[in-house]
Amino acid sequence: MPAIVGAFKINAVGTSGVVHIGDCITISPQSQVKTFAGAGSFITGDNLTLTNYKNTTNVYDKDMVDQPIAGNA
């Protein structure tokens, strides 16, 4: 079924971002990254209050591959 898309505005797209408009069978990532961050690292907004008494970020990951991208072209 065809997609009907109205007006849209894209302010910014990151270096590994994907913009998709309309119909699509699949979107395949070309890169991967694993990010470790503590409590409150990615919160955004106005007048935020973060209360964090104890924080540890567990960076141990027993999986060797989380998202395989070998076959994506």
Protein backbone atom coordinates (compact mmCIF):
# COMPACT_ATOMS: atom_id res chain seq x y z
CA MET A 1 0.00 0.00 0.00
CA PRO A 2 1.56 3.31 -1.00
CA ALA A 3 2.37 5.81 1.69
CA ILE A 4 0.97 9.31 1.52
CA VAL A 5 3.42 11.74 3.08
CA GLY A 6 2.64 15.37 3.78
CA ALA A 7 5.06 18.20 4.40
CA PHE A 8 7.98 17.45 6.71
CA LYS A 9 11.14 19.16 7.92
CA ILE A 10 14.45 17.52 8.83
CA ASN A 11 16.63 19.67 11.06
CA ALA A 12 19.61 17.35 11.35
CA VAL A 13 20.69 13.76 10.73
CA GLY A 14 23.67 12.23 12.50
CA THR A 15 26.54 10.61 10.63
CA SER A 16 25.09 7.13 11.13
CA GLY A 17 21.42 8.14 11.04
CA VAL A 18 18.73 6.91 8.69
CA VAL A 19 15.90 8.97 7.18
CA HIS A 20 13.11 6.94 5.65
CA ILE A 21 10.04 8.37 3.95
CA GLY A 22 7.43 6.17 2.28
CA ASP A 23 7.35 2.42 1.74
CA CYS A 24 10.31 0.20 2.53
CA ILE A 25 11.03 -3.52 2.73
CA THR A 26 14.05 -3.29 5.03
CA ILE A 27 16.56 -0.81 6.41
CA SER A 28 19.98 -2.34 7.09
CA PRO A 29 22.47 -0.66 9.43
CA GLN A 30 25.97 -0.16 8.08
CA SER A 31 27.70 0.44 11.42
CA GLN A 32 27.23 -0.35 15.08
CA VAL A 33 28.32 1.13 18.38
CA LYS A 34 27.88 0.19 22.03
CA THR A 35 27.45 3.04 24.49
CA PHE A 36 27.84 2.80 28.24
CA ALA A 37 26.58 5.69 30.34
CA GLY A 38 25.59 6.27 33.93
CA ALA A 39 22.30 7.38 35.40
CA GLY A 40 21.01 10.63 33.94
CA SER A 41 23.55 10.77 31.11
CA PHE A 42 21.08 11.29 28.27
CA ILE A 43 18.26 13.22 29.92
CA THR A 44 17.28 16.42 28.17
CA GLY A 45 14.79 19.17 28.83
CA ASP A 46 14.23 22.23 30.97
CA ASN A 47 14.27 22.39 34.79
CA LEU A 48 15.30 18.77 35.37
CA THR A 49 16.25 17.36 38.74
CA LEU A 50 18.23 14.14 38.97
CA THR A 51 18.72 12.46 42.33
CA ASN A 52 21.22 9.63 42.21
CA TYR A 53 22.91 8.43 45.37
CA LYS A 54 24.75 5.34 44.14
CA ASN A 55 25.53 4.68 40.51
CA THR A 56 27.58 2.00 38.84
CA THR A 57 27.63 1.34 35.12
CA ASN A 58 28.08 -2.32 34.30
CA VAL A 59 30.25 -2.57 31.19
CA TYR A 60 30.66 -6.35 31.30
CA ASP A 61 29.01 -8.00 28.29
CA LYS A 62 29.51 -11.72 27.74
CA ASP A 63 28.08 -11.55 24.19
CA MET A 64 30.70 -11.22 21.48
CA VAL A 65 28.27 -9.86 18.87
CA ASP A 66 25.12 -7.94 19.76
CA GLN A 67 23.96 -6.86 16.30
CA PRO A 68 25.64 -8.59 13.36
CA ILE A 69 25.91 -6.38 10.29
CA ALA A 70 28.17 -8.58 8.15
CA GLY A 71 25.55 -9.24 5.45
CA ASN A 72 24.22 -5.69 5.13
CA ALA A 73 25.11 -3.84 1.96
